[in-house]
Protein backbone atom coordinates (compact mmCIF):
# COMPACT_ATOMS: atom_id res chain seq x y z
CA MET A 1 26.51 -25.01 23.43
CA LYS A 2 25.12 -23.40 20.33
CA ASN A 3 26.35 -19.99 21.64
CA VAL A 4 29.80 -21.37 22.05
CA LEU A 5 29.85 -22.86 18.63
CA ALA A 6 28.52 -19.59 17.22
CA ILE A 7 31.13 -17.60 18.95
CA ILE A 8 33.99 -19.93 17.76
CA LEU A 9 32.63 -19.77 14.20
CA VAL A 10 32.45 -15.99 14.45
CA SER A 11 35.88 -15.78 15.85
CA MET A 12 37.33 -17.85 13.08
CA MET A 13 35.49 -15.78 10.46
CA VAL A 14 36.49 -12.44 12.02
CA THR A 15 40.20 -13.69 12.12
CA SER A 16 39.91 -14.73 8.54
CA THR A 17 38.27 -11.48 7.55
CA MET A 18 40.97 -9.43 9.37
CA ALA A 19 43.73 -11.43 7.70
CA ALA A 20 42.18 -10.98 4.30
CA ALA A 21 41.66 -7.24 4.97
CA SER A 22 45.29 -6.86 6.03
CA GLN A 23 46.33 -8.29 2.59
CA ASN A 24 44.00 -5.96 0.85
CA GLU A 25 41.63 -8.81 -0.18
CA THR A 26 37.86 -8.74 -0.05
CA SER A 27 36.13 -11.26 2.01
CA LEU A 28 32.68 -12.63 1.38
CA TYR A 29 32.47 -13.73 4.98
CA SER A 30 32.60 -10.31 6.74
CA PRO A 31 28.85 -9.57 6.46
CA LEU A 32 28.05 -13.08 7.71
CA ALA A 33 30.64 -12.78 10.60
CA SER A 34 29.12 -9.45 11.56
CA SER A 35 25.64 -10.98 11.47
CA LEU A 36 26.55 -13.91 13.57
CA LEU A 37 28.51 -11.85 16.05
CA SER A 38 25.56 -9.58 16.49
CA SER A 39 23.24 -12.50 16.98
CA ALA A 40 25.50 -14.27 19.54
CA SER A 41 26.09 -10.99 21.35
CA ALA A 42 22.45 -9.98 21.40
CA GLU A 43 21.45 -13.39 22.89
CA SER A 44 24.02 -13.19 25.70
CA LEU A 45 22.95 -9.59 26.45
CA THR A 46 19.28 -10.63 26.41
CA TYR A 47 19.22 -13.61 28.76
CA TRP A 48 20.89 -14.54 32.08
CA ASN A 49 23.17 -17.50 31.57
CA GLU A 50 20.87 -20.53 31.81
CA GLN A 51 23.79 -23.01 32.41
CA ASN A 52 24.88 -20.98 35.52
CA LEU A 53 21.38 -20.80 36.91
CA ARG A 54 20.98 -24.49 36.48
CA ALA A 55 24.38 -25.39 37.84
CA ASN A 56 23.66 -23.42 41.09
CA SER A 57 20.13 -24.58 41.61
CA SER A 58 21.06 -27.36 43.95
CA CYS A 59 23.04 -25.08 46.18
CA LEU A 60 20.21 -22.56 46.16
CA LEU A 61 17.74 -25.25 47.04
CA SER A 62 19.98 -26.12 50.10
CA ILE A 63 19.97 -22.47 51.16
CA VAL A 64 16.13 -22.40 50.86
CA ARG A 65 15.74 -25.67 52.80
CA SER A 66 18.04 -24.36 55.51
CA LYS A 67 16.09 -20.98 55.81
CA MET A 68 12.79 -22.90 55.99
CA ASN A 69 14.07 -25.46 58.55
CA SER A 70 13.47 -28.45 56.27
CA THR A 71 15.77 -31.51 56.66
CA LYS A 72 14.23 -33.40 53.79
CA ALA A 73 15.89 -34.17 50.63
CA SER A 74 14.50 -34.69 47.06
CA ALA A 75 15.65 -34.11 43.62
CA LEU A 76 15.26 -30.83 41.97
CA PRO A 77 12.19 -30.10 39.81
CA GLU A 78 12.61 -30.00 36.16
CA LEU A 79 13.90 -26.46 35.25
CA LYS A 80 12.64 -24.71 32.11
CA PHE A 81 13.94 -21.39 31.12
CA SER A 82 12.34 -18.66 28.90
CA SER A 83 15.54 -18.68 26.84
CA SER A 84 15.00 -22.28 25.74
CA THR A 85 11.31 -22.86 26.19
CA SER A 86 8.91 -21.37 23.62
CA LEU A 87 6.04 -19.24 24.93
CA GLU A 88 3.63 -21.64 23.22
CA GLU A 89 5.13 -24.67 25.21
CA PHE A 90 4.82 -22.63 28.43
CA GLN A 91 1.31 -21.49 27.75
CA ALA A 92 0.16 -25.05 26.97
CA ALA A 93 1.66 -26.49 30.04
CA ILE A 94 0.30 -23.86 32.35
CA GLU A 95 -3.13 -23.78 30.78
CA GLN A 96 -3.66 -27.40 31.89
CA TRP A 97 -2.96 -26.29 35.44
CA TRP A 98 -4.39 -22.83 35.61
CA GLY A 99 -7.16 -23.22 33.09
CA PHE A 100 -6.04 -20.19 31.02
CA ARG A 101 -3.00 -19.26 28.88
CA PRO A 102 -0.72 -16.70 30.39
CA GLU A 103 0.04 -13.88 27.92
CA LYS A 104 3.77 -14.03 28.73
CA PHE A 105 6.37 -16.25 30.28
CA VAL A 106 6.20 -15.85 34.11
CA ASN A 107 8.02 -17.54 36.91
CA VAL A 108 6.04 -20.43 38.40
CA TYR A 109 6.43 -23.79 40.00
CA ASN A 110 3.94 -26.35 38.85
CA ALA A 111 3.57 -28.91 41.64
CA ASN A 112 1.39 -31.12 39.36
CA THR A 113 4.27 -31.83 36.93
CA ASN A 114 7.09 -30.92 39.30
CA THR A 115 8.37 -28.33 36.81
CA LEU A 116 9.77 -24.94 37.66
CA TYR A 117 9.49 -22.34 34.94
CA LEU A 118 11.95 -19.33 35.13
CA ASN A 119 11.99 -16.28 33.05
CA ASN A 120 15.71 -15.47 32.51
CA ASN A 121 15.12 -12.53 30.13
CA LYS A 122 17.23 -9.63 31.49
CA ALA A 123 14.62 -7.00 30.45
CA SER A 124 12.20 -8.57 32.93
CA TYR A 125 14.15 -7.64 35.94
CA LYS A 126 14.57 -4.25 37.39
CA ASN A 127 16.46 -2.81 40.24
CA SER A 128 17.81 -5.41 42.61
CA ARG A 129 15.61 -8.22 41.27
CA THR A 130 17.24 -11.08 39.35
CA PRO A 131 16.33 -14.51 38.06
CA VAL A 132 18.54 -15.84 40.81
CA ASP A 133 16.24 -14.56 43.64
CA SER A 134 13.27 -15.47 41.49
CA LEU A 135 14.58 -18.96 41.26
CA VAL A 136 14.87 -18.92 45.16
CA HIS A 137 11.17 -17.75 45.37
CA GLU A 138 9.99 -20.62 43.13
CA LEU A 139 12.24 -23.11 45.02
CA VAL A 140 10.32 -22.05 48.23
CA HIS A 141 7.15 -23.14 46.53
CA PHE A 142 8.82 -26.41 45.68
CA VAL A 143 9.87 -27.02 49.23
CA GLN A 144 6.37 -25.96 50.45
CA SER A 145 4.88 -28.72 48.19
CA LYS A 146 7.44 -31.53 48.53
CA ASP A 147 8.69 -31.04 52.00
CA PHE A 148 5.64 -29.68 53.73
CA ASN A 149 2.75 -30.97 51.51
CA ALA A 150 1.32 -27.47 51.33
CA SER A 151 -2.07 -26.99 49.78
CA HIS A 152 -3.19 -24.34 47.27
CA GLU A 153 -5.86 -23.38 49.75
CA ASP A 154 -3.15 -21.73 51.72
CA GLY A 155 -2.16 -19.58 48.65
CA GLU A 156 -1.72 -16.26 50.34
CA TYR A 157 0.37 -17.68 53.33
CA LEU A 158 2.50 -19.59 50.88
CA GLU A 159 3.06 -16.58 48.62
CA ASP A 160 4.04 -14.40 51.65
CA GLN A 161 6.44 -17.03 52.88
CA ALA A 162 8.16 -17.30 49.40
CA VAL A 163 8.36 -13.46 49.21
CA GLN A 164 9.92 -13.31 52.65
CA VAL A 165 12.56 -15.96 51.86
CA GLN A 166 13.24 -14.27 48.47
CA THR A 167 13.75 -10.86 50.15
CA TRP A 168 15.95 -12.42 52.83
CA PHE A 169 18.03 -14.01 50.09
CA ARG A 170 18.32 -10.73 48.08
CA ASP A 171 19.22 -8.83 51.20
CA ASN A 172 21.90 -11.28 52.20
CA TYR A 173 23.23 -12.33 48.83
CA GLY A 174 22.09 -9.80 46.34
CA LEU A 175 25.37 -7.82 46.22
CA HIS A 176 27.16 -11.03 45.14
CA ILE A 177 24.94 -11.40 41.89
CA GLN A 178 26.29 -9.61 38.82
CA ASN A 179 24.23 -8.88 35.78
CA GLU A 180 26.53 -10.45 33.34
CA ASP A 181 27.27 -13.68 35.15
CA TYR A 182 26.01 -15.49 38.21
CA GLN A 183 28.45 -14.86 41.15
CA GLY A 184 26.30 -15.87 44.10
CA PRO A 185 26.71 -17.83 47.32
CA CYS A 186 27.01 -21.16 45.55
CA LYS A 187 30.26 -20.53 43.52
């Protein structure tokens, strides 16, 4: 919402600045407009759209459950994204579970708090990897925990299964996912 408001404000300022310039007037707002436009543009270029990821998470969970042959139903875990969760908040939450503070924001499903943390920073994803297939990977861990009562003692098996489903998803739906906007199987 703040991005939309910033863009509307910038648009109004730019329009006002252009009108003033066309009348050979100087505008005090043009540096501010440029600054806000740069800030809004930089944020949209830096992060995958959190609202789109959140809006499609139920559908992605259905795809994961189908692939894993689960017929159970439960509400989604709480979703927290790197674009709106501070590193300090993430570190504090994970330290309680892992016993140490991760140096950076990573993708993780915390079964103890039923919270899924997803890094949606574009710089973190290379080649065909995206936060969409990473969300699928973490949803596999959610299903393992909620639907199959998986234990952490089976860590290697659970991780292998999550990677297999993630790879299957990327191979089947990866071409439908665009960098600028989520255009996956759930739209």
